[in-house]
Amino acid sequence: MRNILLATTALLLLLPMQSVAQDSVESEGDVVESSEETPEAEEKLPFGGSVTLGSSVGMGTFANEGYAQRDLVVGFLGLGAYYKLADSQRLSAGLDMSKYLVSNADTGLGEDQETLLSDAYLTYSYSSIWSDDDLGLSLSGSLRTFFPTSKYSQYATKIMGVNPYATLSGTWSWFSARYTLLYTHNFYEYDHPGVESDGSQVACINRTEVESGMCFAGGYANSQFSVGNSLSLGFKVIDELSFALTYALIHGFGFDNYPEEDEFTAENAVPGKRQRDVSQGVVSAAYKAHKYVSIGLSLSTVQPPKTADAKGFRFPFFDSSANNFTTIGLSATASY
């Protein structure tokens, strides 16, 4: 299940590579977004939209050893629309769809060739909180709300997620920088993922504090909230071609499963909220092929920031192993 969640995370991060970074696993439900796309100066209509079509391939697809090969090829379609409330205010909405194009043992929440939806979102953005023309800096803020249209969010019994974030950005000739600070809070019906019991489930954990009609399969509790940071550096080669380097770090916190130590607590266990950290490093290129069409190429790595033994840090921008932490993505976006 881990890789379907990480792959979905990578997909969402690339969604507009303007961008989104979802938590280490989609179950964390967190997003790091740099900013909403700024409308061009000549824009006259108060509304617009975009369609993104693309695909990503995991590094496990290229593994030489047959027993280690973990094919991962995902196609995706992103739909977005916005309405400009005022010169500096915008309301936008979006929904994405993905499809695993090859069989993959890690797609625990999807059937072979099944089309999966992301969570639908609605965002209010204000782009003129503060600006300084001499410094070339500006501060913007947004509030994004997620609705549980994805299969995983429904399994997690999510009701909604709320994600406020602020972005400080600057552009100087051929160079630009963007820093985003965010917080995400998730609301659920239950603190553990579950499904309505129909008697066919093999393993259900009895939880007397909730109604008996639910089946809880065990495992990690849902993510209650998270905090995150994202830093992106942009480099414009020519007007039509630019490159970007992005790093995001997110800390997700689950519900209190073990609020106090007891005789069953392991020696190295820490009671309280569960914490799961994830990092994402992205190297990307964007080419404006037409006034309304752009092409994107990216190398995205979504992974735990530290090694399995917790003694070192992983290289943030590439992982060559067959675990599909790293994916190569190609996309085309038409927008107006």
C-alpha atoms as a PDB file:
ATOM      1  CA  MET A   1       0.000   0.000   0.000  1.00  0.00           C
ATOM      2  CA  ARG A   2       2.939   2.309   0.688  1.00  0.00           C
ATOM      3  CA  ASN A   3       3.852   2.803  -2.938  1.00  0.00           C
ATOM      4  CA  ILE A   4       0.354   3.585  -4.148  1.00  0.00           C
ATOM      5  CA  LEU A   5       0.238   6.310  -1.527  1.00  0.00           C
ATOM      6  CA  LEU A   6       3.692   7.646  -2.352  1.00  0.00           C
ATOM      7  CA  ALA A   7       2.923   7.550  -6.062  1.00  0.00           C
ATOM      8  CA  THR A   8      -0.321   9.419  -5.536  1.00  0.00           C
ATOM      9  CA  THR A   9       1.598  11.932  -3.473  1.00  0.00           C
ATOM     10  CA  ALA A  10       4.067  12.460  -6.303  1.00  0.00           C
ATOM     11  CA  LEU A  11       1.230  12.839  -8.768  1.00  0.00           C
ATOM     12  CA  LEU A  12      -0.401  15.540  -6.665  1.00  0.00           C
ATOM     13  CA  LEU A  13       2.892  17.313  -6.154  1.00  0.00           C
ATOM     14  CA  LEU A  14       3.349  17.595  -9.867  1.00  0.00           C
ATOM     15  CA  LEU A  15      -0.236  18.646 -10.384  1.00  0.00           C
ATOM     16  CA  PRO A  16       0.523  22.002 -11.199  1.00  0.00           C
ATOM     17  CA  MET A  17       4.258  21.950 -10.430  1.00  0.00           C
ATOM     18  CA  GLN A  18       3.411  25.352  -9.366  1.00  0.00           C
ATOM     19  CA  SER A  19       2.660  23.199  -6.745  1.00  0.00           C
ATOM     20  CA  VAL A  20       1.323  20.651  -4.582  1.00  0.00           C
ATOM     21  CA  ALA A  21       3.052  18.240  -2.175  1.00  0.00           C
ATOM     22  CA  GLN A  22       0.930  15.791  -0.373  1.00  0.00           C
ATOM     23  CA  ASP A  23       2.069  14.076   2.740  1.00  0.00           C
ATOM     24  CA  SER A  24       4.301  11.051   2.886  1.00  0.00           C
ATOM     25  CA  VAL A  25       1.323   8.893   2.392  1.00  0.00           C
ATOM     26  CA  GLU A  26      -1.982   9.967   1.033  1.00  0.00           C
ATOM     27  CA  SER A  27      -3.428   8.898   4.350  1.00  0.00           C
ATOM     28  CA  GLU A  28      -1.701  11.889   5.870  1.00  0.00           C
ATOM     29  CA  GLY A  29      -3.750  14.095   3.556  1.00  0.00           C
ATOM     30  CA  ASP A  30      -1.407  17.093   3.737  1.00  0.00           C
ATOM     31  CA  VAL A  31      -0.493  19.525   1.038  1.00  0.00           C
ATOM     32  CA  VAL A  32       2.378  21.888   0.426  1.00  0.00           C
ATOM     33  CA  GLU A  33       1.534  24.399  -2.242  1.00  0.00           C
ATOM     34  CA  SER A  34       3.794  27.137  -3.466  1.00  0.00           C
ATOM     35  CA  SER A  35       1.156  29.364  -4.982  1.00  0.00           C
ATOM     36  CA  GLU A  36      -1.762  29.657  -7.287  1.00  0.00           C
ATOM     37  CA  GLU A  37      -0.900  30.311 -10.889  1.00  0.00           C
ATOM     38  CA  THR A  38      -0.869  34.055 -11.564  1.00  0.00           C
ATOM     39  CA  PRO A  39      -3.067  35.188 -14.465  1.00  0.00           C
ATOM     40  CA  GLU A  40      -1.295  36.874 -17.331  1.00  0.00           C
ATOM     41  CA  ALA A  41      -1.421  40.649 -17.646  1.00  0.00           C
ATOM     42  CA  GLU A  42      -3.590  40.534 -20.755  1.00  0.00           C
ATOM     43  CA  GLU A  43      -6.250  38.392 -19.076  1.00  0.00           C
ATOM     44  CA  LYS A  44      -9.687  39.975 -19.451  1.00  0.00           C
ATOM     45  CA  LEU A  45     -12.226  37.336 -18.542  1.00  0.00           C
ATOM     46  CA  PRO A  46     -12.723  36.832 -14.788  1.00  0.00           C
ATOM     47  CA  PHE A  47     -12.659  33.048 -15.116  1.00  0.00           C
ATOM     48  CA  GLY A  48     -10.496  30.363 -16.666  1.00  0.00           C
ATOM     49  CA  GLY A  49      -9.403  26.778 -16.407  1.00  0.00           C
ATOM     50  CA  SER A  50      -6.757  24.190 -17.168  1.00  0.00           C
ATOM     51  CA  VAL A  51      -6.452  20.565 -18.263  1.00  0.00           C
ATOM     52  CA  THR A  52      -3.298  18.565 -17.523  1.00  0.00           C
ATOM     53  CA  LEU A  53      -2.574  15.198 -19.132  1.00  0.00           C
ATOM     54  CA  GLY A  54       0.531  13.227 -18.242  1.00  0.00           C
ATOM     55  CA  SER A  55       2.220  10.091 -17.043  1.00  0.00           C
ATOM     56  CA  SER A  56       4.873   9.096 -14.497  1.00  0.00           C
ATOM     57  CA  VAL A  57       7.164   6.056 -14.361  1.00  0.00           C
ATOM     58  CA  GLY A  58       8.761   4.704 -11.160  1.00  0.00           C
ATOM     59  CA  MET A  59      12.429   3.696 -10.976  1.00  0.00           C
ATOM     60  CA  GLY A  60      11.374   0.173  -9.990  1.00  0.00           C
ATOM     61  CA  THR A  61      10.209  -0.299 -13.585  1.00  0.00           C
ATOM     62  CA  PHE A  62      13.845  -0.231 -14.738  1.00  0.00           C
ATOM     63  CA  ALA A  63      15.225  -2.719 -12.189  1.00  0.00           C
ATOM     64  CA  ASN A  64      17.409  -5.340 -13.887  1.00  0.00           C
ATOM     65  CA  GLU A  65      16.701  -8.242 -11.531  1.00  0.00           C
ATOM     66  CA  GLY A  66      13.345  -9.808 -12.184  1.00  0.00           C
ATOM     67  CA  TYR A  67      12.616 -10.520  -8.511  1.00  0.00           C
ATOM     68  CA  ALA A  68      13.344  -6.871  -7.599  1.00  0.00           C
ATOM     69  CA  GLN A  69      11.428  -5.277 -10.449  1.00  0.00           C
ATOM     70  CA  ARG A  70       8.404  -3.254  -9.265  1.00  0.00           C
ATOM     71  CA  ASP A  71       6.681  -1.807 -12.318  1.00  0.00           C
ATOM     72  CA  LEU A  72       4.972   1.525 -11.758  1.00  0.00           C
ATOM     73  CA  VAL A  73       3.439   3.458 -14.661  1.00  0.00           C
ATOM     74  CA  VAL A  74       0.673   5.936 -13.847  1.00  0.00           C
ATOM     75  CA  GLY A  75      -1.389   8.079 -16.207  1.00  0.00           C
ATOM     76  CA  PHE A  76      -3.172  11.118 -14.848  1.00  0.00           C
ATOM     77  CA  LEU A  77      -5.627  13.803 -15.812  1.00  0.00           C
ATOM     78  CA  GLY A  78      -5.981  17.048 -13.880  1.00  0.00           C
ATOM     79  CA  LEU A  79      -8.909  19.443 -14.180  1.00  0.00           C
ATOM     80  CA  GLY A  80      -8.954  22.940 -12.697  1.00  0.00           C
ATOM     81  CA  ALA A  81     -11.046  26.100 -12.898  1.00  0.00           C
ATOM     82  CA  TYR A  82     -10.948  29.528 -11.253  1.00  0.00           C
ATOM     83  CA  TYR A  83     -13.005  32.671 -10.872  1.00  0.00           C
ATOM     84  CA  LYS A  84     -11.357  36.023 -10.153  1.00  0.00           C
ATOM     85  CA  LEU A  85     -13.275  37.728  -7.364  1.00  0.00           C
ATOM     86  CA  ALA A  86     -11.117  40.876  -7.540  1.00  0.00           C
ATOM     87  CA  ASP A  87      -7.696  41.906  -8.828  1.00  0.00           C
ATOM     88  CA  SER A  88      -5.935  40.132  -5.970  1.00  0.00           C
ATOM     89  CA  GLN A  89      -8.542  37.515  -5.009  1.00  0.00           C
ATOM     90  CA  ARG A  90      -9.342  34.246  -6.668  1.00  0.00           C
ATOM     91  CA  LEU A  91     -11.531  31.214  -6.052  1.00  0.00           C
ATOM     92  CA  SER A  92     -10.377  27.975  -7.671  1.00  0.00           C
ATOM     93  CA  ALA A  93     -11.437  24.333  -7.715  1.00  0.00           C
ATOM     94  CA  GLY A  94      -9.945  21.132  -9.046  1.00  0.00           C
ATOM     95  CA  LEU A  95     -10.143  17.358  -9.287  1.00  0.00           C
ATOM     96  CA  ASP A  96      -7.579  14.860 -10.574  1.00  0.00           C
ATOM     97  CA  MET A  97      -7.822  11.318 -11.895  1.00  0.00           C
ATOM     98  CA  SER A  98      -5.096   8.678 -12.103  1.00  0.00           C
ATOM     99  CA  LYS A  99      -4.851   5.209 -13.562  1.00  0.00           C
ATOM    100  CA  TYR A 100      -2.222   2.523 -13.040  1.00  0.00           C
ATOM    101  CA  LEU A 101      -1.294   1.452 -16.560  1.00  0.00           C
ATOM    102  CA  VAL A 102       0.551  -1.726 -15.529  1.00  0.00           C
ATOM    103  CA  SER A 103      -0.151  -4.261 -12.793  1.00  0.00           C
ATOM    104  CA  ASN A 104       1.557  -3.332  -9.543  1.00  0.00           C
ATOM    105  CA  ALA A 105       1.653  -5.322  -6.319  1.00  0.00           C
ATOM    106  CA  ASP A 106       1.747  -2.132  -4.243  1.00  0.00           C
ATOM    107  CA  THR A 107      -1.604  -0.764  -5.383  1.00  0.00           C
ATOM    108  CA  GLY A 108      -3.410  -2.048  -2.315  1.00  0.00           C
ATOM    109  CA  LEU A 109      -6.332   0.352  -2.621  1.00  0.00           C
ATOM    110  CA  GLY A 110      -6.996  -0.024  -6.315  1.00  0.00           C
ATOM    111  CA  GLU A 111      -7.922  -2.832  -8.642  1.00  0.00           C
ATOM    112  CA  ASP A 112      -5.975  -3.514 -11.806  1.00  0.00           C
ATOM    113  CA  GLN A 113      -6.558  -0.743 -14.382  1.00  0.00           C
ATOM    114  CA  GLU A 114      -8.947   1.060 -12.019  1.00  0.00           C
ATOM    115  CA  THR A 115      -9.338   4.830 -12.431  1.00  0.00           C
ATOM    116  CA  LEU A 116      -8.857   6.610  -9.104  1.00  0.00           C
ATOM    117  CA  LEU A 117     -10.005  10.081  -8.114  1.00  0.00           C
ATOM    118  CA  SER A 118      -8.080  12.487  -5.908  1.00  0.00           C
ATOM    119  CA  ASP A 119      -9.743  14.590  -3.253  1.00  0.00           C
ATOM    120  CA  ALA A 120     -11.622  17.505  -4.783  1.00  0.00           C
ATOM    121  CA  TYR A 121     -10.478  20.900  -3.544  1.00  0.00           C
ATOM    122  CA  LEU A 122     -11.739  24.459  -3.293  1.00  0.00           C
ATOM    123  CA  THR A 123      -9.244  27.290  -2.694  1.00  0.00           C
ATOM    124  CA  TYR A 124      -9.538  30.959  -1.828  1.00  0.00           C
ATOM    125  CA  SER A 125      -6.356  32.944  -2.607  1.00  0.00           C
ATOM    126  CA  TYR A 126      -5.312  36.495  -1.780  1.00  0.00           C
ATOM    127  CA  SER A 127      -2.164  37.557  -3.632  1.00  0.00           C
ATOM    128  CA  SER A 128      -1.547  41.035  -2.188  1.00  0.00           C
ATOM    129  CA  ILE A 129      -1.009  40.671   1.542  1.00  0.00           C
ATOM    130  CA  TRP A 130       2.296  42.552   1.238  1.00  0.00           C
ATOM    131  CA  SER A 131       4.774  43.524  -1.479  1.00  0.00           C
ATOM    132  CA  ASP A 132       7.948  45.567  -1.888  1.00  0.00           C
ATOM    133  CA  ASP A 133       8.885  46.596  -5.428  1.00  0.00           C
ATOM    134  CA  ASP A 134      12.425  47.571  -4.414  1.00  0.00           C
ATOM    135  CA  LEU A 135      13.109  44.136  -2.937  1.00  0.00           C
ATOM    136  CA  GLY A 136      11.073  42.316  -5.571  1.00  0.00           C
ATOM    137  CA  LEU A 137       9.216  40.368  -2.864  1.00  0.00           C
ATOM    138  CA  SER A 138       5.538  39.670  -2.289  1.00  0.00           C
ATOM    139  CA  LEU A 139       3.505  37.733   0.273  1.00  0.00           C
ATOM    140  CA  SER A 140       0.342  35.815  -0.588  1.00  0.00           C
ATOM    141  CA  GLY A 141      -2.011  33.577   1.373  1.00  0.00           C
ATOM    142  CA  SER A 142      -4.534  30.867   0.607  1.00  0.00           C
ATOM    143  CA  LEU A 143      -7.059  28.637   2.306  1.00  0.00           C
ATOM    144  CA  ARG A 144      -7.714  25.294   0.661  1.00  0.00           C
ATOM    145  CA  THR A 145     -10.455  22.836   1.613  1.00  0.00           C
ATOM    146  CA  PHE A 146     -10.392  19.162   0.590  1.00  0.00           C
ATOM    147  CA  PHE A 147     -13.426  16.923   0.156  1.00  0.00           C
ATOM    148  CA  PRO A 148     -13.240  13.093   0.367  1.00  0.00           C
ATOM    149  CA  THR A 149     -13.751  12.047  -3.237  1.00  0.00           C
ATOM    150  CA  SER A 150     -10.647   9.810  -3.244  1.00  0.00           C
ATOM    151  CA  LYS A 151     -10.877   6.129  -2.408  1.00  0.00           C
ATOM    152  CA  TYR A 152      -8.335   6.390   0.382  1.00  0.00           C
ATOM    153  CA  SER A 153     -10.024   9.356   2.094  1.00  0.00           C
ATOM    154  CA  GLN A 154     -13.293   7.424   2.088  1.00  0.00           C
ATOM    155  CA  TYR A 155     -11.495   4.416   3.601  1.00  0.00           C
ATOM    156  CA  ALA A 156      -9.971   6.743   6.210  1.00  0.00           C
ATOM    157  CA  THR A 157     -13.513   8.026   6.988  1.00  0.00           C
ATOM    158  CA  LYS A 158     -12.391  11.580   6.266  1.00  0.00           C
ATOM    159  CA  ILE A 159     -15.019  14.300   6.381  1.00  0.00           C
ATOM    160  CA  MET A 160     -12.856  17.150   5.104  1.00  0.00           C
ATOM    161  CA  GLY A 161      -9.405  18.698   5.322  1.00  0.00           C
ATOM    162  CA  VAL A 162      -8.480  22.360   5.801  1.00  0.00           C
ATOM    163  CA  ASN A 163      -5.135  23.719   4.609  1.00  0.00           C
ATOM    164  CA  PRO A 164      -4.117  27.374   5.168  1.00  0.00           C
ATOM    165  CA  TYR A 165      -0.737  28.380   3.746  1.00  0.00           C
ATOM    166  CA  ALA A 166       1.328  31.485   3.066  1.00  0.00           C
ATOM    167  CA  THR A 167       3.938  32.054   0.346  1.00  0.00           C
ATOM    168  CA  LEU A 168       6.782  34.558   0.173  1.00  0.00           C
ATOM    169  CA  SER A 169       8.061  34.889  -3.394  1.00  0.00           C
ATOM    170  CA  GLY A 170      10.387  37.023  -5.440  1.00  0.00           C
ATOM    171  CA  THR A 171      11.529  37.353  -9.052  1.00  0.00           C
ATOM    172  CA  TRP A 172      14.747  39.000 -10.191  1.00  0.00           C
ATOM    173  CA  SER A 173      15.471  38.877 -13.917  1.00  0.00           C
ATOM    174  CA  TRP A 174      16.182  35.207 -14.746  1.00  0.00           C
ATOM    175  CA  PHE A 175      16.018  33.960 -11.131  1.00  0.00           C
ATOM    176  CA  SER A 176      13.039  33.426  -8.812  1.00  0.00           C
ATOM    177  CA  ALA A 177      12.498  31.963  -5.344  1.00  0.00           C
ATOM    178  CA  ARG A 178       9.443  30.861  -3.427  1.00  0.00           C
ATOM    179  CA  TYR A 179       8.997  29.733   0.194  1.00  0.00           C
ATOM    180  CA  THR A 180       5.742  28.242   1.505  1.00  0.00           C
ATOM    181  CA  LEU A 181       4.693  27.577   5.091  1.00  0.00           C
ATOM    182  CA  LEU A 182       1.552  25.541   5.666  1.00  0.00           C
ATOM    183  CA  TYR A 183      -0.652  23.795   8.180  1.00  0.00           C
ATOM    184  CA  THR A 184      -3.224  21.088   7.468  1.00  0.00           C
ATOM    185  CA  HIS A 185      -5.955  19.813   9.762  1.00  0.00           C
ATOM    186  CA  ASN A 186      -8.041  16.754   8.913  1.00  0.00           C
ATOM    187  CA  PHE A 187     -11.484  15.832  10.204  1.00  0.00           C
ATOM    188  CA  TYR A 188     -12.659  12.193  10.328  1.00  0.00           C
ATOM    189  CA  GLU A 189     -15.610  10.177  11.484  1.00  0.00           C
ATOM    190  CA  TYR A 190     -13.212   7.766  13.255  1.00  0.00           C
ATOM    191  CA  ASP A 191      -9.551   8.042  14.253  1.00  0.00           C
ATOM    192  CA  HIS A 192      -8.720   4.810  12.348  1.00  0.00           C
ATOM    193  CA  PRO A 193      -9.482   3.857   8.732  1.00  0.00           C
ATOM    194  CA  GLY A 194     -12.476   1.572   8.453  1.00  0.00           C
ATOM    195  CA  VAL A 195     -15.272   0.257   6.272  1.00  0.00           C
ATOM    196  CA  GLU A 196     -18.870  -0.685   6.945  1.00  0.00           C
ATOM    197  CA  SER A 197     -18.949  -4.322   7.964  1.00  0.00           C
ATOM    198  CA  ASP A 198     -20.986  -6.652   5.775  1.00  0.00           C
ATOM    199  CA  GLY A 199     -19.746  -9.858   7.397  1.00  0.00           C
ATOM    200  CA  SER A 200     -17.318 -10.749   4.595  1.00  0.00           C
ATOM    201  CA  GLN A 201     -14.217  -9.138   6.112  1.00  0.00           C
ATOM    202  CA  VAL A 202     -11.603 -11.636   7.250  1.00  0.00           C
ATOM    203  CA  ALA A 203      -9.998  -9.573   9.993  1.00  0.00           C
ATOM    204  CA  CYS A 204     -11.714  -6.841  11.974  1.00  0.00           C
ATOM    205  CA  ILE A 205     -10.572  -5.313  15.227  1.00  0.00           C
ATOM    206  CA  ASN A 206     -13.336  -4.978  17.784  1.00  0.00           C
ATOM    207  CA  ARG A 207     -13.556  -1.400  19.041  1.00  0.00           C
ATOM    208  CA  THR A 208     -16.339  -1.032  21.567  1.00  0.00           C
ATOM    209  CA  GLU A 209     -16.179   2.762  21.650  1.00  0.00           C
ATOM    210  CA  VAL A 210     -17.728   2.989  18.166  1.00  0.00           C
ATOM    211  CA  GLU A 211     -20.777   1.495  16.574  1.00  0.00           C
ATOM    212  CA  SER A 212     -20.601  -2.220  15.866  1.00  0.00           C
ATOM    213  CA  GLY A 213     -21.353  -1.879  12.156  1.00  0.00           C
ATOM    214  CA  MET A 214     -17.771  -0.763  11.324  1.00  0.00           C
ATOM    215  CA  CYS A 215     -14.796  -2.950  10.454  1.00  0.00           C
ATOM    216  CA  PHE A 216     -11.345  -1.643  11.480  1.00  0.00           C
ATOM    217  CA  ALA A 217      -8.509  -3.556   9.902  1.00  0.00           C
ATOM    218  CA  GLY A 218      -5.821  -2.245  12.274  1.00  0.00           C
ATOM    219  CA  GLY A 219      -2.592  -0.463  11.405  1.00  0.00           C
ATOM    220  CA  TYR A 220      -1.766   3.212  11.702  1.00  0.00           C
ATOM    221  CA  ALA A 221      -4.230   5.763  12.994  1.00  0.00           C
ATOM    222  CA  ASN A 222      -5.335   8.596  10.728  1.00  0.00           C
ATOM    223  CA  SER A 223      -3.283  11.773  10.464  1.00  0.00           C
ATOM    224  CA  GLN A 224      -4.850  14.497  12.574  1.00  0.00           C
ATOM    225  CA  PHE A 225      -2.710  17.433  11.429  1.00  0.00           C
ATOM    226  CA  SER A 226       0.609  18.330   9.824  1.00  0.00           C
ATOM    227  CA  VAL A 227       2.987  21.229   9.306  1.00  0.00           C
ATOM    228  CA  GLY A 228       5.185  21.695   6.267  1.00  0.00           C
ATOM    229  CA  ASN A 229       7.712  23.851   4.452  1.00  0.00           C
ATOM    230  CA  SER A 230       8.563  24.130   0.789  1.00  0.00           C
ATOM    231  CA  LEU A 231      11.371  26.010  -0.965  1.00  0.00           C
ATOM    232  CA  SER A 232      11.534  26.375  -4.750  1.00  0.00           C
ATOM    233  CA  LEU A 233      14.204  28.039  -6.906  1.00  0.00           C
ATOM    234  CA  GLY A 234      13.444  28.907 -10.537  1.00  0.00           C
ATOM    235  CA  PHE A 235      15.814  29.605 -13.415  1.00  0.00           C
ATOM    236  CA  LYS A 236      14.601  31.097 -16.706  1.00  0.00           C
ATOM    237  CA  VAL A 237      16.802  30.210 -19.684  1.00  0.00           C
ATOM    238  CA  ILE A 238      14.649  31.926 -22.318  1.00  0.00           C
ATOM    239  CA  ASP A 239      11.088  33.238 -22.209  1.00  0.00           C
ATOM    240  CA  GLU A 240       9.713  29.833 -23.217  1.00  0.00           C
ATOM    241  CA  LEU A 241      12.013  27.575 -21.163  1.00  0.00           C
ATOM    242  CA  SER A 242      12.602  27.462 -17.400  1.00  0.00           C
ATOM    243  CA  PHE A 243      13.927  25.043 -14.785  1.00  0.00           C
ATOM    244  CA  ALA A 244      13.062  24.639 -11.102  1.00  0.00           C
ATOM    245  CA  LEU A 245      14.478  22.924  -8.038  1.00  0.00           C
ATOM    246  CA  THR A 246      12.000  22.256  -5.202  1.00  0.00           C
ATOM    247  CA  TYR A 247      12.365  20.715  -1.762  1.00  0.00           C
ATOM    248  CA  ALA A 248       9.478  20.104   0.644  1.00  0.00           C
ATOM    249  CA  LEU A 249       9.488  18.661   4.167  1.00  0.00           C
ATOM    250  CA  ILE A 250       6.273  17.674   5.944  1.00  0.00           C
ATOM    251  CA  HIS A 251       5.699  16.453   9.507  1.00  0.00           C
ATOM    252  CA  GLY A 252       2.428  14.577  10.010  1.00  0.00           C
ATOM    253  CA  PHE A 253       0.946  13.752  13.422  1.00  0.00           C
ATOM    254  CA  GLY A 254      -1.617  11.036  14.081  1.00  0.00           C
ATOM    255  CA  PHE A 255      -4.201  10.645  16.818  1.00  0.00           C
ATOM    256  CA  ASP A 256      -3.154   9.594  20.321  1.00  0.00           C
ATOM    257  CA  ASN A 257      -3.173   5.802  20.157  1.00  0.00           C
ATOM    258  CA  TYR A 258      -1.024   5.239  23.227  1.00  0.00           C
ATOM    259  CA  PRO A 259      -1.395   8.347  25.399  1.00  0.00           C
ATOM    260  CA  GLU A 260       0.352   6.753  28.407  1.00  0.00           C
ATOM    261  CA  GLU A 261       3.016   4.158  29.065  1.00  0.00           C
ATOM    262  CA  ASP A 262       1.910   0.845  30.511  1.00  0.00           C
ATOM    263  CA  GLU A 263       3.381  -2.626  31.094  1.00  0.00           C
ATOM    264  CA  PHE A 264       3.056  -3.430  27.372  1.00  0.00           C
ATOM    265  CA  THR A 265       4.965  -0.359  26.079  1.00  0.00           C
ATOM    266  CA  ALA A 266       8.181  -1.308  24.255  1.00  0.00           C
ATOM    267  CA  GLU A 267      11.477  -0.037  25.633  1.00  0.00           C
ATOM    268  CA  ASN A 268      12.094   2.425  22.791  1.00  0.00           C
ATOM    269  CA  ALA A 269       8.463   3.373  22.198  1.00  0.00           C
ATOM    270  CA  VAL A 270       7.306   6.915  22.914  1.00  0.00           C
ATOM    271  CA  PRO A 271       3.651   7.293  23.949  1.00  0.00           C
ATOM    272  CA  GLY A 272       1.488  10.028  22.471  1.00  0.00           C
ATOM    273  CA  LYS A 273       0.918  11.205  18.926  1.00  0.00           C
ATOM    274  CA  ARG A 274       2.424   9.217  16.077  1.00  0.00           C
ATOM    275  CA  GLN A 275       4.717  11.271  13.852  1.00  0.00           C
ATOM    276  CA  ARG A 276       5.584  10.473  10.236  1.00  0.00           C
ATOM    277  CA  ASP A 277       7.902  12.672   8.212  1.00  0.00           C
ATOM    278  CA  VAL A 278       8.240  12.851   4.448  1.00  0.00           C
ATOM    279  CA  SER A 279      10.403  14.857   2.080  1.00  0.00           C
ATOM    280  CA  GLN A 280      10.047  15.567  -1.612  1.00  0.00           C
ATOM    281  CA  GLY A 281      12.727  16.776  -3.955  1.00  0.00           C
ATOM    282  CA  VAL A 282      11.783  17.755  -7.505  1.00  0.00           C
ATOM    283  CA  VAL A 283      13.918  18.760 -10.475  1.00  0.00           C
ATOM    284  CA  SER A 284      11.653  20.048 -13.240  1.00  0.00           C
ATOM    285  CA  ALA A 285      11.628  21.798 -16.589  1.00  0.00           C
ATOM    286  CA  ALA A 286       8.759  23.681 -18.245  1.00  0.00           C
ATOM    287  CA  TYR A 287       8.492  24.694 -21.892  1.00  0.00           C
ATOM    288  CA  LYS A 288       5.789  27.038 -23.167  1.00  0.00           C
ATOM    289  CA  ALA A 289       4.971  25.533 -26.531  1.00  0.00           C
ATOM    290  CA  HIS A 290       2.045  27.876 -27.198  1.00  0.00           C
ATOM    291  CA  LYS A 291       0.313  30.798 -25.555  1.00  0.00           C
ATOM    292  CA  TYR A 292      -2.085  28.373 -23.898  1.00  0.00           C
ATOM    293  CA  VAL A 293      -0.047  25.133 -23.859  1.00  0.00           C
ATOM    294  CA  SER A 294       3.006  24.148 -21.788  1.00  0.00           C
ATOM    295  CA  ILE A 295       5.038  20.935 -21.512  1.00  0.00           C
ATOM    296  CA  GLY A 296       6.530  19.738 -18.238  1.00  0.00           C
ATOM    297  CA  LEU A 297       9.260  17.209 -17.424  1.00  0.00           C
ATOM    298  CA  SER A 298      10.124  16.276 -13.847  1.00  0.00           C
ATOM    299  CA  LEU A 299      12.175  13.981 -11.636  1.00  0.00           C
ATOM    300  CA  SER A 300      10.327  13.660  -8.319  1.00  0.00           C
ATOM    301  CA  THR A 301      11.496  11.817  -5.202  1.00  0.00           C
ATOM    302  CA  VAL A 302       9.030  11.278  -2.320  1.00  0.00           C
ATOM    303  CA  GLN A 303      10.538   9.426   0.638  1.00  0.00           C
ATOM    304  CA  PRO A 304      11.252   9.417   4.374  1.00  0.00           C
ATOM    305  CA  PRO A 305      13.968  12.045   4.952  1.00  0.00           C
ATOM    306  CA  LYS A 306      16.147   9.660   6.998  1.00  0.00           C
ATOM    307  CA  THR A 307      17.558   6.219   6.210  1.00  0.00           C
ATOM    308  CA  ALA A 308      15.920   3.054   7.545  1.00  0.00           C
ATOM    309  CA  ASP A 309      18.339   2.884  10.500  1.00  0.00           C
ATOM    310  CA  ALA A 310      17.683   6.594  11.263  1.00  0.00           C
ATOM    311  CA  LYS A 311      21.445   7.234  11.333  1.00  0.00           C
ATOM    312  CA  GLY A 312      21.702   9.301   8.152  1.00  0.00           C
ATOM    313  CA  PHE A 313      19.743  11.358   5.654  1.00  0.00           C
ATOM    314  CA  ARG A 314      18.674  10.256   2.196  1.00  0.00           C
ATOM    315  CA  PHE A 315      19.741  12.211  -0.879  1.00  0.00           C
ATOM    316  CA  PRO A 316      16.606  14.331  -1.429  1.00  0.00           C
ATOM    317  CA  PHE A 317      16.480  14.451  -5.246  1.00  0.00           C
ATOM    318  CA  PHE A 318      17.047  10.871  -6.436  1.00  0.00           C
ATOM    319  CA  ASP A 319      16.762   7.257  -5.295  1.00  0.00           C
ATOM    320  CA  SER A 320      17.842   4.553  -7.714  1.00  0.00           C
ATOM    321  CA  SER A 321      16.412   1.576  -5.815  1.00  0.00           C
ATOM    322  CA  ALA A 322      13.334  -0.339  -6.926  1.00  0.00           C
ATOM    323  CA  ASN A 323      11.079   1.072  -4.186  1.00  0.00           C
ATOM    324  CA  ASN A 324       9.665   3.706  -6.577  1.00  0.00           C
ATOM    325  CA  PHE A 325      10.498   6.616  -4.300  1.00  0.00           C
ATOM    326  CA  THR A 326      11.674   8.364  -7.483  1.00  0.00           C
ATOM    327  CA  THR A 327       9.409   8.843 -10.503  1.00  0.00           C
ATOM    328  CA  ILE A 328       9.936  10.467 -13.895  1.00  0.00           C
ATOM    329  CA  GLY A 329       6.987  12.514 -15.092  1.00  0.00           C
ATOM    330  CA  LEU A 330       5.955  14.062 -18.413  1.00  0.00           C
ATOM    331  CA  SER A 331       2.874  16.276 -18.747  1.00  0.00           C
ATOM    332  CA  ALA A 332       1.108  18.714 -21.050  1.00  0.00           C
ATOM    333  CA  THR A 333      -1.122  21.500 -19.726  1.00  0.00           C
ATOM    334  CA  ALA A 334      -3.624  23.584 -21.653  1.00  0.00           C
ATOM    335  CA  SER A 335      -4.847  26.620 -19.746  1.00  0.00           C
ATOM    336  CA  TYR A 336      -6.777  29.807 -20.221  1.00  0.00           C
END
